[in-house]
């Protein structure tokens, strides 16, 4: 859950050099494949139902991973 990761990040950064750091999460759509009719589709809600045949027999194809794409850091002038 993104909100749990953000809460953990905010909790553990307190009192460290990273206490002013911000965490930005950009979700990718979850891609599924229906095991009944082989249709591939994307979802953005909790109910995973095939958009073609309505089957609930689906598998996650991608979108369940977490990838760190970029880390930006700045040092305040008084700490340079």
N, C-alpha and C. Protein backbone atom coordinates (compact mmCIF):
# COMPACT_ATOMS: atom_id res chain seq x y z
N UNK A 1 0.82 -1.18 0.00
CA UNK A 1 0.00 0.00 0.00
C UNK A 1 0.87 1.25 0.00
N UNK A 2 0.67 2.14 -0.94
CA UNK A 2 1.45 3.37 -1.00
C UNK A 2 1.35 4.21 0.27
N UNK A 3 0.17 4.27 0.88
CA UNK A 3 0.02 5.12 2.08
C UNK A 3 0.84 4.56 3.24
N UNK A 4 0.98 3.23 3.34
CA UNK A 4 1.80 2.64 4.40
C UNK A 4 3.28 2.94 4.18
N UNK A 5 3.73 2.89 2.93
CA UNK A 5 5.12 3.21 2.62
C UNK A 5 5.41 4.67 2.95
N UNK A 6 4.50 5.56 2.60
CA UNK A 6 4.69 6.99 2.89
C UNK A 6 4.72 7.24 4.40
N UNK A 7 3.85 6.59 5.14
CA UNK A 7 3.83 6.74 6.60
C UNK A 7 5.14 6.26 7.21
N UNK A 8 5.63 5.11 6.75
CA UNK A 8 6.90 4.58 7.26
C UNK A 8 8.04 5.53 6.92
N UNK A 9 8.07 6.04 5.70
CA UNK A 9 9.11 6.97 5.28
C UNK A 9 9.11 8.21 6.17
N UNK A 10 7.92 8.79 6.37
CA UNK A 10 7.80 9.99 7.20
C UNK A 10 8.20 9.73 8.64
N UNK A 11 7.91 8.54 9.15
CA UNK A 11 8.25 8.19 10.53
C UNK A 11 9.76 8.05 10.72
N UNK A 12 10.40 7.32 9.83
CA UNK A 12 11.82 7.01 10.00
C UNK A 12 12.76 8.14 9.58
N UNK A 13 12.28 9.15 8.88
CA UNK A 13 13.15 10.26 8.49
C UNK A 13 13.30 11.29 9.61
N UNK A 14 12.37 11.27 10.58
CA UNK A 14 12.40 12.24 11.67
C UNK A 14 13.70 12.15 12.46
N UNK A 15 14.31 13.31 12.71
CA UNK A 15 15.54 13.36 13.50
C UNK A 15 16.78 12.94 12.74
N UNK A 16 16.66 12.80 11.42
CA UNK A 16 17.82 12.42 10.61
C UNK A 16 18.14 13.55 9.63
N UNK A 17 19.21 13.38 8.90
CA UNK A 17 19.59 14.36 7.88
C UNK A 17 18.51 14.46 6.79
N UNK A 18 17.67 13.44 6.70
CA UNK A 18 16.63 13.40 5.67
C UNK A 18 15.28 13.89 6.16
N UNK A 19 15.23 14.56 7.32
CA UNK A 19 13.93 14.91 7.88
C UNK A 19 13.11 15.87 7.01
N UNK A 20 13.73 16.60 6.11
CA UNK A 20 12.98 17.47 5.20
C UNK A 20 12.75 16.81 3.83
N UNK A 21 13.12 15.56 3.73
CA UNK A 21 12.95 14.82 2.47
C UNK A 21 11.46 14.58 2.20
N UNK A 22 11.13 14.48 0.94
CA UNK A 22 9.77 14.19 0.51
C UNK A 22 9.76 12.92 -0.32
N UNK A 23 8.72 12.13 -0.16
CA UNK A 23 8.56 10.90 -0.94
C UNK A 23 7.41 11.12 -1.91
N UNK A 24 7.68 10.97 -3.19
CA UNK A 24 6.65 11.12 -4.21
C UNK A 24 6.43 9.77 -4.86
N UNK A 25 5.22 9.25 -4.76
CA UNK A 25 4.87 7.96 -5.36
C UNK A 25 3.98 8.20 -6.57
N UNK A 26 4.35 7.61 -7.69
CA UNK A 26 3.57 7.73 -8.92
C UNK A 26 3.15 6.31 -9.32
N UNK A 27 1.89 5.96 -9.07
CA UNK A 27 1.46 4.59 -9.34
C UNK A 27 1.32 4.29 -10.83
N UNK A 28 1.72 3.10 -11.22
CA UNK A 28 1.49 2.60 -12.57
C UNK A 28 0.20 1.78 -12.53
N UNK A 29 -0.54 1.75 -13.63
CA UNK A 29 -1.75 0.92 -13.64
C UNK A 29 -1.39 -0.55 -13.51
N UNK A 30 -2.26 -1.31 -12.88
CA UNK A 30 -2.06 -2.74 -12.71
C UNK A 30 -2.57 -3.45 -13.95
N UNK A 31 -1.73 -4.26 -14.56
CA UNK A 31 -2.09 -4.97 -15.78
C UNK A 31 -2.42 -6.42 -15.42
N UNK A 32 -3.58 -6.89 -15.88
CA UNK A 32 -4.04 -8.25 -15.59
C UNK A 32 -4.29 -9.01 -16.87
N UNK A 33 -4.32 -10.34 -16.73
CA UNK A 33 -4.67 -11.21 -17.84
C UNK A 33 -5.74 -12.17 -17.36
N UNK A 34 -6.83 -12.26 -18.11
CA UNK A 34 -7.92 -13.17 -17.77
C UNK A 34 -7.50 -14.59 -18.12
N UNK A 35 -7.64 -15.50 -17.15
CA UNK A 35 -7.29 -16.90 -17.39
C UNK A 35 -8.39 -17.64 -18.14
N UNK A 36 -9.56 -17.02 -18.24
CA UNK A 36 -10.68 -17.66 -18.93
C UNK A 36 -10.69 -17.36 -20.43
N UNK A 37 -10.39 -16.10 -20.81
CA UNK A 37 -10.47 -15.74 -22.23
C UNK A 37 -9.17 -15.13 -22.78
N UNK A 38 -8.11 -15.06 -21.95
CA UNK A 38 -6.80 -14.55 -22.34
C UNK A 38 -6.77 -13.05 -22.69
N UNK A 39 -7.78 -12.30 -22.30
CA UNK A 39 -7.79 -10.85 -22.52
C UNK A 39 -6.84 -10.17 -21.54
N UNK A 40 -6.03 -9.23 -22.02
CA UNK A 40 -5.16 -8.43 -21.15
C UNK A 40 -5.80 -7.06 -20.98
N UNK A 41 -5.77 -6.53 -19.73
CA UNK A 41 -6.41 -5.25 -19.46
C UNK A 41 -5.79 -4.62 -18.22
N UNK A 42 -6.05 -3.33 -18.03
CA UNK A 42 -5.54 -2.59 -16.87
C UNK A 42 -6.70 -2.24 -15.95
N UNK A 43 -6.40 -2.20 -14.64
CA UNK A 43 -7.41 -1.84 -13.64
C UNK A 43 -6.84 -0.77 -12.71
N UNK A 44 -7.74 -0.01 -12.12
CA UNK A 44 -7.32 1.00 -11.15
C UNK A 44 -8.16 0.92 -9.88
N UNK A 45 -8.80 -0.21 -9.67
CA UNK A 45 -9.62 -0.42 -8.48
C UNK A 45 -9.33 -1.80 -7.91
N UNK A 46 -9.88 -2.08 -6.75
CA UNK A 46 -9.59 -3.32 -6.04
C UNK A 46 -10.22 -4.54 -6.70
N UNK A 47 -11.39 -4.41 -7.32
CA UNK A 47 -12.06 -5.55 -7.94
C UNK A 47 -11.41 -5.86 -9.27
N UNK A 48 -10.86 -7.06 -9.39
CA UNK A 48 -10.18 -7.47 -10.62
C UNK A 48 -11.10 -8.39 -11.41
N UNK A 49 -11.81 -7.81 -12.38
CA UNK A 49 -12.74 -8.56 -13.20
C UNK A 49 -12.40 -8.32 -14.66
N UNK A 50 -12.39 -9.36 -15.45
CA UNK A 50 -12.06 -9.25 -16.87
C UNK A 50 -13.03 -8.29 -17.55
N UNK A 51 -12.46 -7.35 -18.30
CA UNK A 51 -13.28 -6.37 -19.01
C UNK A 51 -13.96 -6.96 -20.23
N UNK A 52 -13.52 -8.15 -20.66
CA UNK A 52 -14.09 -8.79 -21.84
C UNK A 52 -15.22 -9.75 -21.49
N UNK A 53 -14.96 -10.71 -20.57
CA UNK A 53 -15.95 -11.75 -20.29
C UNK A 53 -16.53 -11.68 -18.88
N UNK A 54 -15.98 -10.81 -18.01
CA UNK A 54 -16.51 -10.67 -16.66
C UNK A 54 -15.96 -11.67 -15.66
N UNK A 55 -15.06 -12.54 -16.09
CA UNK A 55 -14.50 -13.56 -15.19
C UNK A 55 -13.64 -12.92 -14.10
N UNK A 56 -13.66 -13.51 -12.90
CA UNK A 56 -12.79 -13.08 -11.81
C UNK A 56 -11.51 -13.92 -11.76
N UNK A 57 -11.36 -14.86 -12.67
CA UNK A 57 -10.20 -15.74 -12.74
C UNK A 57 -9.10 -15.05 -13.55
N UNK A 58 -8.37 -14.12 -12.89
CA UNK A 58 -7.35 -13.33 -13.57
C UNK A 58 -6.02 -13.45 -12.85
N UNK A 59 -4.94 -13.10 -13.54
CA UNK A 59 -3.61 -13.08 -12.93
C UNK A 59 -2.97 -11.72 -13.17
N UNK A 60 -2.13 -11.30 -12.23
CA UNK A 60 -1.42 -10.03 -12.36
C UNK A 60 -0.28 -10.21 -13.35
N UNK A 61 -0.22 -9.36 -14.36
CA UNK A 61 0.86 -9.41 -15.35
C UNK A 61 1.98 -8.46 -14.98
N UNK A 62 1.64 -7.24 -14.59
CA UNK A 62 2.64 -6.28 -14.12
C UNK A 62 1.93 -5.14 -13.40
N UNK A 63 2.73 -4.28 -12.77
CA UNK A 63 2.19 -3.15 -12.04
C UNK A 63 2.22 -3.34 -10.54
N UNK A 64 2.62 -4.52 -10.07
CA UNK A 64 2.69 -4.79 -8.65
C UNK A 64 4.04 -4.50 -8.05
N UNK A 65 4.97 -4.04 -8.85
CA UNK A 65 6.33 -3.80 -8.38
C UNK A 65 6.52 -2.35 -7.95
N UNK A 66 7.60 -2.13 -7.26
CA UNK A 66 7.97 -0.78 -6.83
C UNK A 66 9.37 -0.52 -7.36
N UNK A 67 9.52 0.51 -8.18
CA UNK A 67 10.81 0.83 -8.80
C UNK A 67 11.21 2.24 -8.42
N UNK A 68 12.42 2.40 -7.91
CA UNK A 68 12.96 3.72 -7.62
C UNK A 68 13.57 4.24 -8.92
N UNK A 69 12.91 5.23 -9.52
CA UNK A 69 13.38 5.77 -10.79
C UNK A 69 14.38 6.89 -10.63
N UNK A 70 14.20 7.70 -9.59
CA UNK A 70 15.05 8.87 -9.47
C UNK A 70 15.18 9.25 -8.01
N UNK A 71 16.36 9.70 -7.64
CA UNK A 71 16.62 10.21 -6.30
C UNK A 71 17.27 11.57 -6.47
N UNK A 72 16.63 12.60 -5.98
CA UNK A 72 17.17 13.96 -6.07
C UNK A 72 17.52 14.43 -4.67
N UNK A 73 18.72 14.98 -4.52
CA UNK A 73 19.14 15.47 -3.21
C UNK A 73 19.75 16.85 -3.37
N UNK A 74 19.49 17.69 -2.38
CA UNK A 74 20.08 19.02 -2.33
C UNK A 74 20.68 19.21 -0.96
N UNK A 75 21.79 19.90 -0.91
CA UNK A 75 22.43 20.22 0.36
C UNK A 75 22.21 21.70 0.62
N UNK A 76 21.60 22.05 1.76
CA UNK A 76 21.42 23.47 2.07
C UNK A 76 22.75 24.20 2.07
N UNK A 77 22.76 25.47 1.67
CA UNK A 77 23.99 26.26 1.58
C UNK A 77 24.77 26.27 2.88
N UNK A 78 24.07 26.27 4.03
CA UNK A 78 24.78 26.33 5.31
C UNK A 78 25.42 25.00 5.70
N UNK A 79 25.16 23.93 4.93
CA UNK A 79 25.77 22.63 5.22
C UNK A 79 26.70 22.18 4.11
N UNK A 80 26.93 23.01 3.12
CA UNK A 80 27.78 22.64 1.98
C UNK A 80 29.25 22.66 2.36
